[in-house]
Amino acid sequence: MPLAEVYDSEQTTWSPARREAYANDQDSPDTLIAVTAASNRSKSDKDPAEWLPSDASYHCAYATTWVGTKLRWDLAVDEAERQALLGLAEDCPTTIVSYETVL
């Protein structure tokens, strides 16, 4: 999840220490996922309402990672993002989101 999305999704303003903790979160396997430079540029700071991986077989995993990160860090979801995620969830009936909250 791009930092711009995090800052737009904050429920309350984060302290500099919390922002640093998010940017360096090594406790989640979803923190950094290797992608090509072209894919990273294509995605930029877009959320699932605006961008999905070109490989449709990865959409469920992508949505799961996105939702897990939002829940982990108590981030808000805007309506367009919510609708996109609900649409993806319909296509992923056996997918389970698991996460641990950050204290």
Protein backbone atom coordinates (compact mmCIF):
# COMPACT_ATOMS: atom_id res chain seq x y z
CA MET A 1 0.00 0.00 0.00
CA PRO A 2 1.50 3.32 -1.02
CA LEU A 3 2.27 5.90 1.65
CA ALA A 4 -0.04 8.42 -0.06
CA GLU A 5 -2.94 6.00 0.47
CA VAL A 6 -1.98 5.58 4.11
CA TYR A 7 -1.92 9.32 4.71
CA ASP A 8 -5.29 9.73 2.97
CA SER A 9 -6.74 6.88 5.05
CA GLU A 10 -5.64 7.86 8.54
CA GLN A 11 -8.45 7.80 11.08
CA THR A 12 -6.48 10.29 13.16
CA THR A 13 -3.24 12.06 12.41
CA TRP A 14 -0.30 9.77 13.01
CA SER A 15 2.74 10.74 14.99
CA PRO A 16 6.09 10.73 13.17
CA ALA A 17 6.98 7.55 15.10
CA ARG A 18 3.84 5.74 13.86
CA ARG A 19 4.51 6.82 10.26
CA GLU A 20 8.04 5.48 10.59
CA ALA A 21 6.73 2.23 12.08
CA TYR A 22 4.40 1.77 9.10
CA ALA A 23 7.12 2.55 6.56
CA ASN A 24 9.43 0.01 8.22
CA ASP A 25 6.90 -2.67 9.18
CA GLN A 26 8.93 -5.88 8.99
CA ASP A 27 6.46 -7.91 11.07
CA SER A 28 4.03 -8.38 8.19
CA PRO A 29 4.87 -10.53 5.16
CA ASP A 30 2.76 -8.10 3.11
CA THR A 31 4.91 -5.04 3.79
CA LEU A 32 7.06 -5.36 0.70
CA ILE A 33 6.12 -7.46 -2.30
CA ALA A 34 8.54 -7.62 -5.22
CA VAL A 35 7.10 -6.30 -8.47
CA THR A 36 8.52 -5.04 -11.71
CA ALA A 37 9.38 -1.36 -12.06
CA ALA A 38 6.73 -1.03 -14.77
CA SER A 39 4.06 -2.49 -12.51
CA ASN A 40 5.09 -0.21 -9.65
CA ARG A 41 4.92 2.86 -11.92
CA SER A 42 1.55 1.76 -13.29
CA LYS A 43 0.12 1.34 -9.81
CA SER A 44 1.64 4.54 -8.41
CA ASP A 45 -0.52 5.59 -5.43
CA LYS A 46 -3.79 4.14 -6.73
CA ASP A 47 -6.16 2.04 -4.64
CA PRO A 48 -8.10 -1.04 -5.89
CA ALA A 49 -10.87 1.18 -7.30
CA GLU A 50 -8.31 2.66 -9.69
CA TRP A 51 -5.82 -0.16 -10.30
CA LEU A 52 -5.56 -3.94 -10.13
CA PRO A 53 -2.71 -6.23 -11.16
CA SER A 54 -2.79 -7.14 -14.85
CA ASP A 55 -2.72 -10.82 -13.85
CA ALA A 56 -6.34 -11.49 -12.85
CA SER A 57 -5.31 -14.69 -11.04
CA TYR A 58 -3.64 -12.43 -8.45
CA HIS A 59 -6.69 -10.22 -7.75
CA CYS A 60 -7.87 -12.21 -4.71
CA ALA A 61 -4.43 -12.21 -3.12
CA TYR A 62 -4.03 -8.51 -3.88
CA ALA A 63 -7.40 -7.65 -2.31
CA THR A 64 -6.63 -9.79 0.73
CA THR A 65 -3.30 -8.07 1.26
CA TRP A 66 -4.90 -4.63 0.81
CA VAL A 67 -7.72 -5.32 3.29
CA GLY A 68 -5.35 -6.93 5.79
CA THR A 69 -3.10 -3.88 5.72
CA LYS A 70 -6.06 -1.51 6.15
CA LEU A 71 -7.26 -3.53 9.15
CA ARG A 72 -3.77 -3.96 10.60
CA TRP A 73 -3.17 -0.21 10.66
CA ASP A 74 -6.80 0.90 11.29
CA LEU A 75 -7.02 2.80 8.01
CA ALA A 76 -10.23 4.16 6.52
CA VAL A 77 -11.68 3.02 3.20
CA ASP A 78 -13.42 5.48 0.87
CA GLU A 79 -16.63 4.47 -0.88
CA ALA A 80 -15.13 3.78 -4.33
CA GLU A 81 -12.41 1.64 -2.73
CA ARG A 82 -15.01 -0.17 -0.61
CA GLN A 83 -17.16 -0.99 -3.64
CA ALA A 84 -14.14 -2.26 -5.58
CA LEU A 85 -13.10 -4.47 -2.66
CA LEU A 86 -16.64 -5.82 -2.24
CA GLY A 87 -16.69 -6.68 -5.95
CA LEU A 88 -13.39 -8.50 -5.61
CA ALA A 89 -14.67 -10.32 -2.52
CA GLU A 90 -17.56 -11.73 -4.55
CA ASP A 91 -15.00 -13.30 -6.87
CA CYS A 92 -12.99 -14.69 -3.93
CA PRO A 93 -15.52 -16.58 -1.76
CA THR A 94 -12.95 -18.88 -0.14
CA THR A 95 -10.37 -16.19 0.58
CA ILE A 96 -9.71 -15.37 4.22
CA VAL A 97 -8.16 -12.10 5.40
CA SER A 98 -5.84 -12.58 8.35
CA TYR A 99 -3.94 -9.84 10.13
CA GLU A 100 -2.57 -8.69 13.45
CA THR A 101 -3.29 -5.18 14.58
CA VAL A 102 -0.43 -2.83 15.34
CA LEU A 103 -0.53 -1.42 18.83
